[in-house]
Amino acid sequence: MRRFPDEPAFTGYLAPSRFEFDINDLEVEGTVPADMNGIFYRSAPDPQFPPMLGTDIYFNGDGTVTQFRFKRGRVDVRHRYVRTERFMLERAAGKALYGAYRNPFTDDPAVAGKSRGTANTNVLFHAGKLFAYKEDSLPVALDPITLETQGEWDYGGLIKSPAFTAHAKLDPQTGELIGFGYGAKGVFSRDVAYYVIGADGRLKHEVWFEVPYANLMHDFGVTREYVIFPIIPVCSSEARARERKPVFGWDSSKEIFLAVLPRYGESRDLRLFKAPNQFCSHVMNAFNEGPKVHIDVPVARANMFPFFPDITDKPFDREAAASRMTRWTVDMSRQGDVIESRQLGQLVGEFPRIDDRYAMEPYRHGYTCVVDPAREVDTEKVGSATGLFINCWGHLDHLTRKEDVYWAGPVSTLQEPTFVPKSRTAAEGEGYLIGLANRLAENRTDLLILDAQRLREGPIATVRLPVRLRNGLHGNWFSNERLGI
């Protein structure tokens, strides 16, 4: 019998869980706010079988979705695997059939031409359907209550790209879903397909274009009038893939670009702006003030992804990988290709979030995971602090420039938070920050609820789980009103 490797991505708190469960009426310390009525969905990779090649990266695990259902101070949880084509083929075989991340040359011949998607990165509700996303494949539709898998979703055959971003944007004003697929003619291609899907779930606008080099375009920004695609040199290479090396690698010799397109424009309207080599992954928000287009991202001097190594085999530089929130600005009314840059805060971290009602608009409040190595760590109970050791959540007030931080303590780390408004009409930032805390010494998980304006005061409620939920990637909150339940 093949075993999971004795490596950090498969041991300790990150050991595969490999189970599904339902627990009703979870224990609560404190009081769950009575105005929280809705569902918090989150995604996480969790391989059902040991990796085919003996090792793997965390991002290649089978997709799971966790549903926390809030109703009048009570919280129930449901956790399910997404039954992708890949998941079902491997379950039938009783073993892993797919090889390295994004590398079809390492797969078992039995799955040649089959979908490699894992649906393990994000979960969104749109046009009456819940979707699980992975950026190398189409969305997978799920029942929003039972989490039963309904299958891949190509919008009636209209989505021709084999891939669709895990970071589609929901327009809170129009109800549109804006997305794209990179590597739209194959993972090694420079092609991008951009889509606008109406509030009714029908394809509304489509544009295809090419970018300067094939790369991992994980996230993007959307404003009222523009879309912005950061092009960062985590580059794909067929030659490396055929040599069974990581498909994606960091190329420090390349400039970065922002590809900016009018929201309903055509490929001829695309403009490219450039800057010296640097790194970003996720987007906090984007907005435009007339022709000035802003995108707020955590920026680092160099690669933040050690699992995508330097193409020249340079060692990973942890100090250069520290990212701080930065505003990149381009002016669509001027000639030239300059990207202006302004740092917005001092906190080092990633996984930025906002009050989603202010997506695509000027905004004040941002939230982020924070890595603070100066905080105490009880290494006797949790081991050494390696990797992206997220021990805080941070609040950035862009108006006052003040930063507020919640620290999880010396034996816990945190996963990505999500903002929950107190009501549909509440002021921006008036609400709660929720997310999972990894209780490393107990090998268990809690769901925390904090006042989004008073993080330093700590949780107003802690929802205790008697199980461990593997580190997730992204999640979102949808009210009962939004879900129609």
Protein backbone atom coordinates (compact mmCIF):
# COMPACT_ATOMS: atom_id res chain seq x y z
CA MET A 1 0.00 0.00 0.00
CA ARG A 2 1.33 3.43 -0.96
CA ARG A 3 1.77 5.85 1.96
CA PHE A 4 1.62 9.63 2.17
CA PRO A 5 5.12 11.14 2.20
CA ASP A 6 6.75 12.17 5.45
CA GLU A 7 6.94 15.82 4.40
CA PRO A 8 5.52 19.08 5.82
CA ALA A 9 2.69 19.23 3.25
CA PHE A 10 1.39 15.82 4.35
CA THR A 11 2.12 15.62 8.08
CA GLY A 12 1.08 17.29 11.33
CA TYR A 13 -1.79 19.72 10.93
CA LEU A 14 -1.56 19.35 7.14
CA ALA A 15 -1.95 15.57 7.17
CA PRO A 16 -4.75 14.56 4.77
CA SER A 17 -8.12 14.22 6.56
CA ARG A 18 -9.89 12.10 3.89
CA PHE A 19 -13.38 12.15 5.41
CA GLU A 20 -16.78 13.84 5.14
CA PHE A 21 -19.04 14.78 8.03
CA ASP A 22 -22.09 16.63 9.35
CA ILE A 23 -22.23 18.12 12.85
CA ASN A 24 -25.30 19.97 14.10
CA ASP A 25 -25.39 22.69 16.72
CA LEU A 26 -21.67 23.18 17.29
CA GLU A 27 -20.40 24.21 20.71
CA VAL A 28 -19.95 27.97 21.10
CA GLU A 29 -17.87 30.03 23.51
CA GLY A 30 -19.36 33.51 23.68
CA THR A 31 -22.42 34.42 21.62
CA VAL A 32 -22.96 34.10 17.89
CA PRO A 33 -24.58 37.39 16.73
CA ALA A 34 -28.27 36.91 16.10
CA ASP A 35 -28.04 38.98 12.91
CA MET A 36 -25.71 36.40 11.28
CA ASN A 37 -28.09 34.32 9.19
CA GLY A 38 -26.49 32.73 6.16
CA ILE A 39 -23.79 30.33 5.05
CA PHE A 40 -20.01 30.57 5.10
CA TYR A 41 -18.50 28.30 2.43
CA ARG A 42 -14.78 27.52 2.20
CA SER A 43 -12.57 25.31 0.01
CA ALA A 44 -9.55 23.18 0.84
CA PRO A 45 -7.35 20.65 -0.95
CA ASP A 46 -7.44 17.19 0.65
CA PRO A 47 -6.01 14.27 -1.38
CA GLN A 48 -8.07 11.08 -1.15
CA PHE A 49 -5.04 8.94 -2.12
CA PRO A 50 -1.26 9.23 -1.63
CA PRO A 51 0.40 11.05 -4.54
CA MET A 52 1.13 8.97 -7.61
CA LEU A 53 4.72 10.23 -7.87
CA GLY A 54 5.54 9.82 -4.18
CA THR A 55 5.35 13.54 -3.43
CA ASP A 56 3.27 16.53 -4.47
CA ILE A 57 2.48 20.16 -3.65
CA TYR A 58 -0.38 21.15 -1.37
CA PHE A 59 -2.37 22.82 -4.17
CA ASN A 60 -2.85 19.53 -6.02
CA GLY A 61 -5.20 17.88 -3.50
CA ASP A 62 -8.81 16.90 -4.20
CA GLY A 63 -11.32 19.66 -3.56
CA THR A 64 -13.46 19.77 -0.45
CA VAL A 65 -16.13 22.30 0.49
CA THR A 66 -17.12 23.12 4.06
CA GLN A 67 -20.48 24.74 4.76
CA PHE A 68 -21.04 26.59 8.05
CA ARG A 69 -24.75 27.37 8.30
CA PHE A 70 -25.73 30.16 10.71
CA LYS A 71 -29.28 30.50 11.94
CA ARG A 72 -30.45 32.48 14.99
CA GLY A 73 -27.24 31.98 16.99
CA ARG A 74 -26.77 28.32 16.03
CA VAL A 75 -24.07 26.96 13.71
CA ASP A 76 -24.19 23.64 11.82
CA VAL A 77 -21.35 22.32 9.65
CA ARG A 78 -21.28 20.05 6.59
CA HIS A 79 -18.09 18.92 4.82
CA ARG A 80 -17.99 17.15 1.45
CA TYR A 81 -15.61 16.19 -1.33
CA VAL A 82 -16.35 17.65 -4.76
CA ARG A 83 -17.01 14.68 -7.08
CA THR A 84 -14.92 15.90 -10.02
CA GLU A 85 -14.20 13.63 -12.97
CA ARG A 86 -10.69 13.23 -11.58
CA PHE A 87 -11.96 12.32 -8.10
CA MET A 88 -14.35 9.68 -9.47
CA LEU A 89 -11.78 8.10 -11.81
CA GLU A 90 -9.28 7.74 -8.99
CA ARG A 91 -11.90 6.46 -6.56
CA ALA A 92 -12.88 3.77 -9.07
CA ALA A 93 -9.21 2.80 -9.52
CA GLY A 94 -8.51 2.88 -5.78
CA LYS A 95 -5.34 4.95 -6.30
CA ALA A 96 -3.99 8.22 -7.67
CA LEU A 97 -3.89 8.38 -11.47
CA TYR A 98 -2.83 12.00 -11.95
CA GLY A 99 0.76 13.12 -11.51
CA ALA A 100 2.36 16.48 -10.80
CA TYR A 101 0.53 19.80 -10.55
CA ARG A 102 -0.60 21.02 -14.01
CA ASN A 103 1.66 18.45 -15.74
CA PRO A 104 -0.25 16.02 -17.99
CA PHE A 105 3.03 14.35 -19.03
CA THR A 106 3.21 12.71 -15.59
CA ASP A 107 -0.29 11.17 -15.59
CA ASP A 108 -1.26 7.52 -15.91
CA PRO A 109 -2.18 6.86 -19.59
CA ALA A 110 -5.61 5.71 -18.39
CA VAL A 111 -6.63 9.35 -17.78
CA ALA A 112 -5.19 10.91 -20.94
CA GLY A 113 -7.56 13.64 -22.15
CA LYS A 114 -9.63 13.58 -18.96
CA SER A 115 -10.16 16.66 -16.81
CA ARG A 116 -7.35 17.32 -14.31
CA GLY A 117 -9.51 19.76 -12.31
CA THR A 118 -9.78 19.39 -8.53
CA ALA A 119 -12.24 22.23 -7.71
CA ASN A 120 -10.22 22.95 -4.57
CA THR A 121 -9.61 26.71 -4.48
CA ASN A 122 -12.75 28.85 -4.09
CA VAL A 123 -16.55 28.72 -3.72
CA LEU A 124 -19.04 31.29 -5.06
CA PHE A 125 -22.83 31.50 -5.33
CA HIS A 126 -24.16 33.08 -8.52
CA ALA A 127 -27.43 32.97 -10.49
CA GLY A 128 -28.93 30.42 -8.13
CA LYS A 129 -26.01 27.99 -8.22
CA LEU A 130 -23.02 27.25 -6.01
CA PHE A 131 -19.72 26.77 -7.85
CA ALA A 132 -16.42 25.26 -6.75
CA TYR A 133 -13.41 26.57 -8.69
CA LYS A 134 -9.90 25.59 -9.67
CA GLU A 135 -8.16 27.81 -12.21
CA ASP A 136 -7.03 24.98 -14.51
CA SER A 137 -10.56 23.76 -15.27
CA LEU A 138 -14.23 24.69 -15.56
CA PRO A 139 -16.35 25.52 -12.49
CA VAL A 140 -18.15 22.61 -10.83
CA ALA A 141 -21.77 23.18 -9.82
CA LEU A 142 -22.90 22.04 -6.36
CA ASP A 143 -26.22 22.04 -4.55
CA PRO A 144 -25.84 24.98 -2.11
CA ILE A 145 -27.54 23.11 0.74
CA THR A 146 -26.60 19.44 0.34
CA LEU A 147 -23.24 20.11 -1.40
CA GLU A 148 -24.08 17.32 -3.84
CA THR A 149 -21.93 17.62 -6.97
CA GLN A 150 -23.90 18.44 -10.13
CA GLY A 151 -21.02 18.49 -12.61
CA GLU A 152 -18.77 20.82 -14.61
CA TRP A 153 -20.44 24.01 -15.82
CA ASP A 154 -19.62 25.54 -19.21
CA TYR A 155 -22.66 27.84 -19.49
CA GLY A 156 -24.38 25.82 -22.17
CA GLY A 157 -21.20 25.19 -24.12
CA LEU A 158 -20.41 28.91 -24.48
CA ILE A 159 -17.23 28.85 -22.36
CA LYS A 160 -14.64 27.57 -24.82
CA SER A 161 -11.57 28.01 -22.62
CA PRO A 162 -10.75 24.75 -20.80
CA ALA A 163 -9.89 26.81 -17.72
CA PHE A 164 -11.73 29.41 -15.63
CA THR A 165 -10.26 31.51 -12.83
CA ALA A 166 -10.76 30.59 -9.18
CA HIS A 167 -11.13 34.33 -8.47
CA ALA A 168 -14.20 35.34 -10.45
CA LYS A 169 -15.59 38.68 -9.23
CA LEU A 170 -19.21 39.30 -8.24
CA ASP A 171 -20.52 42.77 -9.03
CA PRO A 172 -22.66 43.83 -6.04
CA GLN A 173 -24.53 46.39 -8.18
CA THR A 174 -25.26 44.54 -11.43
CA GLY A 175 -25.19 40.95 -10.21
CA GLU A 176 -22.70 40.07 -12.97
CA LEU A 177 -19.95 37.51 -12.54
CA ILE A 178 -16.68 38.53 -14.25
CA GLY A 179 -14.06 35.88 -14.92
CA PHE A 180 -11.33 34.72 -17.25
CA GLY A 181 -9.28 31.72 -18.21
CA TYR A 182 -5.51 31.92 -18.69
CA GLY A 183 -3.63 29.29 -20.67
CA ALA A 184 -6.90 29.32 -22.60
CA LYS A 185 -5.47 27.20 -25.41
CA GLY A 186 -3.42 25.00 -23.09
CA VAL A 187 -1.35 25.60 -19.96
CA PHE A 188 1.70 26.63 -22.02
CA SER A 189 -0.15 29.17 -24.19
CA ARG A 190 -0.21 32.96 -23.83
CA ASP A 191 -3.95 33.08 -24.55
CA VAL A 192 -6.51 34.59 -22.17
CA ALA A 193 -10.29 34.37 -22.49
CA TYR A 194 -12.26 37.08 -20.63
CA TYR A 195 -15.94 36.59 -19.77
CA VAL A 196 -18.82 38.61 -18.34
CA ILE A 197 -21.75 36.49 -17.18
CA GLY A 198 -25.03 38.25 -16.47
CA ALA A 199 -27.06 38.10 -13.28
CA ASP A 200 -29.26 35.57 -15.07
CA GLY A 201 -26.34 33.18 -15.54
CA ARG A 202 -26.03 33.75 -19.28
CA LEU A 203 -22.82 34.70 -21.10
CA LYS A 204 -22.92 38.42 -21.85
CA HIS A 205 -19.48 39.37 -23.18
CA GLU A 206 -16.36 37.49 -24.37
CA VAL A 207 -12.88 38.69 -25.42
CA TRP A 208 -9.75 36.69 -26.32
CA PHE A 209 -6.25 38.16 -26.25
CA GLU A 210 -2.59 37.23 -25.71
CA VAL A 211 -0.24 38.30 -22.92
CA PRO A 212 3.55 38.82 -23.20
CA TYR A 213 4.47 35.44 -21.72
CA ALA A 214 2.71 32.30 -20.47
CA ASN A 215 2.31 32.61 -16.74
CA LEU A 216 0.21 31.78 -13.69
CA MET A 217 -2.46 34.53 -13.64
CA HIS A 218 -4.08 33.59 -10.35
CA ASP A 219 -6.17 36.71 -9.65
CA PHE A 220 -7.25 39.97 -11.28
CA GLY A 221 -9.02 43.24 -10.56
CA VAL A 222 -12.34 44.63 -11.75
CA THR A 223 -13.58 48.22 -11.53
CA ARG A 224 -16.77 49.89 -12.76
CA GLU A 225 -15.13 50.51 -16.15
CA TYR A 226 -12.02 48.31 -16.44
CA VAL A 227 -10.50 44.91 -15.79
CA ILE A 228 -6.84 44.60 -14.77
CA PHE A 229 -4.76 41.45 -15.25
CA PRO A 230 -1.44 41.31 -13.33
CA ILE A 231 1.13 39.42 -15.41
CA ILE A 232 3.82 38.17 -13.02
CA PRO A 233 6.69 35.91 -14.15
CA VAL A 234 5.68 32.65 -12.53
CA CYS A 235 6.03 31.19 -16.03
CA SER A 236 4.92 27.87 -17.50
CA SER A 237 7.28 25.81 -19.63
CA GLU A 238 6.51 22.74 -21.72
CA ALA A 239 10.22 21.87 -21.83
CA ARG A 240 10.40 21.74 -18.02
CA ALA A 241 7.15 19.79 -17.87
CA ARG A 242 8.46 17.14 -20.25
CA GLU A 243 11.54 16.81 -18.04
CA ARG A 244 9.15 16.17 -15.10
CA LYS A 245 10.21 19.42 -13.45
CA PRO A 246 7.63 21.86 -11.99
CA VAL A 247 5.52 23.31 -14.83
CA PHE A 248 5.73 26.80 -13.31
CA GLY A 249 8.95 28.56 -12.34
CA TRP A 250 9.98 32.03 -11.20
CA ASP A 251 11.87 34.08 -13.82
CA SER A 252 13.52 37.06 -12.12
CA SER A 253 14.76 38.41 -15.47
CA LYS A 254 11.27 39.35 -16.68
CA GLU A 255 9.37 42.60 -16.18
CA ILE A 256 5.84 42.56 -14.79
CA PHE A 257 2.85 43.89 -16.73
CA LEU A 258 -0.66 45.10 -16.05
CA ALA A 259 -2.96 44.28 -18.95
CA VAL A 260 -5.88 46.72 -18.75
CA LEU A 261 -9.06 46.28 -20.77
CA PRO A 262 -12.30 48.29 -20.74
CA ARG A 263 -14.86 46.13 -18.99
CA TYR A 264 -16.93 45.71 -22.16
CA GLY A 265 -14.05 46.40 -24.55
CA GLU A 266 -12.51 44.33 -27.33
CA SER A 267 -9.01 42.91 -27.72
CA ARG A 268 -7.92 45.95 -29.74
CA ASP A 269 -8.62 48.11 -26.66
CA LEU A 270 -6.14 46.24 -24.46
CA ARG A 271 -3.22 48.27 -23.06
CA LEU A 272 -0.06 46.97 -21.42
CA PHE A 273 1.74 48.80 -18.60
CA LYS A 274 5.02 47.53 -17.18
CA ALA A 275 7.35 47.77 -14.18
CA PRO A 276 10.55 46.08 -12.96
CA ASN A 277 10.45 42.50 -11.71
CA GLN A 278 8.40 41.97 -8.54
CA PHE A 279 5.64 39.68 -7.26
CA CYS A 280 1.93 39.74 -6.43
CA SER A 281 -0.71 37.03 -6.22
CA HIS A 282 -4.06 38.09 -4.72
CA VAL A 283 -6.06 41.30 -5.15
CA MET A 284 -7.67 43.22 -2.29
CA ASN A 285 -9.79 45.47 -4.53
CA ALA A 286 -9.66 47.62 -7.65
CA PHE A 287 -11.41 50.84 -8.66
CA ASN A 288 -11.06 53.67 -11.13
CA GLU A 289 -11.31 57.43 -10.78
CA GLY A 290 -12.06 58.39 -14.35
CA PRO A 291 -9.11 57.23 -16.47
CA LYS A 292 -6.96 56.52 -13.40
CA VAL A 293 -7.18 52.82 -12.62
CA HIS A 294 -6.08 51.47 -9.22
CA ILE A 295 -5.44 47.88 -8.15
CA ASP A 296 -4.49 47.06 -4.54
CA VAL A 297 -2.30 43.98 -4.08
CA PRO A 298 0.24 42.61 -1.57
CA VAL A 299 3.59 43.15 -3.35
CA ALA A 300 6.90 41.41 -2.63
CA ARG A 301 10.33 42.05 -4.10
CA ALA A 302 10.58 38.45 -5.30
CA ASN A 303 8.75 35.13 -5.61
CA MET A 304 6.42 34.18 -2.74
CA PHE A 305 5.84 30.62 -3.99
CA PRO A 306 8.73 28.31 -2.97
CA PHE A 307 6.87 25.35 -4.50
CA PHE A 308 7.34 27.06 -7.90
CA PRO A 309 11.17 27.27 -7.86
CA ASP A 310 13.47 29.76 -9.52
CA ILE A 311 14.20 28.63 -13.09
CA THR A 312 17.92 29.20 -12.43
CA ASP A 313 17.77 27.14 -9.20
CA LYS A 314 18.50 30.11 -6.97
CA PRO A 315 17.47 29.38 -3.36
CA PHE A 316 14.18 30.79 -2.10
CA ASP A 317 14.64 34.23 -0.50
CA ARG A 318 12.23 34.42 2.43
CA GLU A 319 12.99 38.06 3.21
CA ALA A 320 12.38 39.17 -0.39
CA ALA A 321 9.12 37.21 -0.34
CA ALA A 322 7.59 39.41 2.39
CA SER A 323 4.64 41.25 0.81
CA ARG A 324 3.00 44.52 1.88
CA MET A 325 -0.22 46.05 0.62
CA THR A 326 0.51 48.30 -2.36
CA ARG A 327 -1.57 50.37 -4.78
CA TRP A 328 -0.60 50.17 -8.44
CA THR A 329 -2.04 52.95 -10.60
CA VAL A 330 -2.15 53.43 -14.38
CA ASP A 331 -3.58 56.36 -16.34
CA MET A 332 -5.59 55.32 -19.40
CA SER A 333 -5.74 58.91 -20.67
CA ARG A 334 -1.98 59.25 -21.10
CA GLN A 335 0.54 57.80 -23.50
CA GLY A 336 3.19 55.50 -22.10
CA ASP A 337 3.28 52.32 -20.07
CA VAL A 338 4.24 53.44 -16.55
CA ILE A 339 2.84 51.78 -13.40
CA GLU A 340 2.84 54.08 -10.39
CA SER A 341 3.29 52.36 -7.02
CA ARG A 342 2.42 53.42 -3.47
CA GLN A 343 2.69 51.25 -0.36
CA LEU A 344 -0.52 51.33 1.70
CA GLY A 345 0.60 49.72 4.95
CA GLN A 346 3.34 48.05 6.96
CA LEU A 347 1.73 44.69 7.72
CA VAL A 348 3.38 41.71 6.05
CA GLY A 349 0.87 39.23 4.75
CA GLU A 350 -1.41 37.86 2.06
CA PHE A 351 -4.99 36.67 1.38
CA PRO A 352 -6.54 40.17 1.38
CA ARG A 353 -10.30 40.70 1.76
CA ILE A 354 -12.80 43.58 1.84
CA ASP A 355 -16.43 44.30 2.58
CA ASP A 356 -17.59 42.80 -0.73
CA ARG A 357 -20.45 45.30 -1.05
CA TYR A 358 -17.70 47.79 -1.98
CA ALA A 359 -16.03 45.65 -4.61
CA MET A 360 -15.03 47.60 -7.74
CA GLU A 361 -15.52 50.93 -5.90
CA PRO A 362 -13.40 53.32 -3.81
CA TYR A 363 -13.29 51.74 -0.36
CA ARG A 364 -11.92 52.29 3.11
CA HIS A 365 -11.58 48.98 4.96
CA GLY A 366 -9.33 46.06 4.03
CA TYR A 367 -8.46 42.88 5.88
CA THR A 368 -5.56 40.48 5.45
CA CYS A 369 -3.73 37.50 6.87
CA VAL A 370 -0.59 38.68 8.65
CA VAL A 371 2.75 36.99 9.23
CA ASP A 372 4.40 38.48 12.33
CA PRO A 373 7.61 36.62 13.26
CA ALA A 374 8.07 38.83 16.31
CA ARG A 375 5.11 37.16 18.05
CA GLU A 376 5.70 34.32 20.49
CA VAL A 377 5.53 30.74 19.18
CA ASP A 378 5.41 27.75 21.54
CA THR A 379 7.69 25.47 19.52
CA GLU A 380 7.44 22.68 22.12
CA LYS A 381 3.74 22.31 21.34
CA VAL A 382 3.52 23.27 17.67
CA GLY A 383 6.99 22.61 16.26
CA SER A 384 9.07 25.12 14.34
CA ALA A 385 7.37 28.05 12.58
CA THR A 386 8.06 27.35 8.93
CA GLY A 387 6.39 28.38 5.69
CA LEU A 388 3.73 31.10 5.56
CA PHE A 389 3.10 31.08 9.32
CA ILE A 390 -0.09 33.18 9.49
CA ASN A 391 -0.53 34.07 13.14
CA CYS A 392 -2.58 37.29 12.86
CA TRP A 393 -5.45 38.93 11.03
CA GLY A 394 -5.02 42.60 10.17
CA HIS A 395 -7.37 45.51 9.46
CA LEU A 396 -6.14 48.32 7.22
CA ASP A 397 -8.08 51.59 7.37
CA HIS A 398 -7.11 53.31 4.12
CA LEU A 399 -8.62 56.61 5.29
CA THR A 400 -6.79 56.97 8.63
CA ARG A 401 -3.82 54.71 7.64
CA LYS A 402 -4.26 52.93 10.98
CA GLU A 403 -3.69 49.17 11.30
CA ASP A 404 -5.39 46.90 13.83
CA VAL A 405 -4.24 43.32 14.48
CA TYR A 406 -5.68 40.21 16.13
CA TRP A 407 -3.04 37.68 17.25
CA ALA A 408 -4.11 34.03 17.50
CA GLY A 409 -1.65 33.19 20.29
CA PRO A 410 1.49 31.05 20.52
CA VAL A 411 -0.12 27.69 19.61
CA SER A 412 -2.46 28.67 16.76
CA THR A 413 -2.36 29.83 13.17
CA LEU A 414 -5.12 31.31 11.04
CA GLN A 415 -6.72 30.73 7.67
CA GLU A 416 -8.16 33.33 5.28
CA PRO A 417 -10.89 35.51 6.86
CA THR A 418 -14.15 36.67 5.32
CA PHE A 419 -16.17 39.81 6.04
CA VAL A 420 -19.85 39.54 7.03
CA PRO A 421 -21.91 42.77 7.07
CA LYS A 422 -24.24 43.32 10.02
CA SER A 423 -27.05 43.98 7.57
CA ARG A 424 -27.58 44.72 3.90
CA THR A 425 -27.68 48.47 4.66
CA ALA A 426 -24.91 48.63 7.30
CA ALA A 427 -22.07 51.11 6.75
CA GLU A 428 -18.87 49.86 5.11
CA GLY A 429 -16.87 47.72 7.53
CA GLU A 430 -19.74 47.46 10.03
CA GLY A 431 -19.90 43.75 10.66
CA TYR A 432 -17.83 40.72 11.49
CA LEU A 433 -14.62 39.04 10.40
CA ILE A 434 -14.92 35.25 10.41
CA GLY A 435 -12.47 32.47 9.62
CA LEU A 436 -10.80 29.33 10.87
CA ALA A 437 -8.13 29.03 13.55
CA ASN A 438 -5.78 26.04 13.51
CA ARG A 439 -5.32 24.79 17.07
CA LEU A 440 -1.96 23.18 16.42
CA ALA A 441 -1.34 21.66 19.85
CA GLU A 442 -4.79 20.04 19.89
CA ASN A 443 -4.82 19.15 16.16
CA ARG A 444 -8.29 20.71 15.97
CA THR A 445 -10.07 23.67 14.33
CA ASP A 446 -12.20 26.56 15.61
CA LEU A 447 -14.34 29.07 13.69
CA LEU A 448 -13.75 32.59 15.05
CA ILE A 449 -16.11 35.57 14.88
CA LEU A 450 -14.62 39.02 15.54
CA ASP A 451 -15.95 42.56 15.39
CA ALA A 452 -14.39 43.77 12.12
CA GLN A 453 -13.68 47.21 13.64
CA ARG A 454 -12.13 45.87 16.84
CA LEU A 455 -9.86 42.99 15.91
CA ARG A 456 -7.47 43.60 18.78
CA GLU A 457 -10.23 42.72 21.26
CA GLY A 458 -10.36 39.16 19.97
CA PRO A 459 -13.32 36.86 19.23
CA ILE A 460 -16.83 37.69 20.32
CA ALA A 461 -17.62 34.03 19.63
CA THR A 462 -15.57 30.87 19.11
CA VAL A 463 -17.35 28.01 17.38
CA ARG A 464 -15.58 24.81 18.41
CA LEU A 465 -15.13 21.90 16.02
CA PRO A 466 -14.21 18.47 17.42
CA VAL A 467 -12.30 17.76 14.20
CA ARG A 468 -9.39 19.17 12.18
CA LEU A 469 -10.07 21.00 8.93
CA ARG A 470 -7.02 21.09 6.70
CA ASN A 471 -5.75 24.55 5.70
CA GLY A 472 -8.18 26.06 3.21
CA LEU A 473 -7.57 28.45 0.37
CA HIS A 474 -10.59 30.74 -0.08
CA GLY A 475 -14.16 31.12 1.15
CA ASN A 476 -17.17 33.44 1.03
CA TRP A 477 -20.28 34.39 2.99
CA PHE A 478 -23.76 34.53 1.49
CA SER A 479 -26.81 35.65 3.47
CA ASN A 480 -30.02 33.62 3.56
CA GLU A 481 -31.64 36.45 1.59
CA ARG A 482 -28.98 36.11 -1.12
CA LEU A 483 -29.28 32.33 -1.19
CA GLY A 484 -33.07 32.48 -1.31
CA ILE A 485 -33.56 30.27 1.74
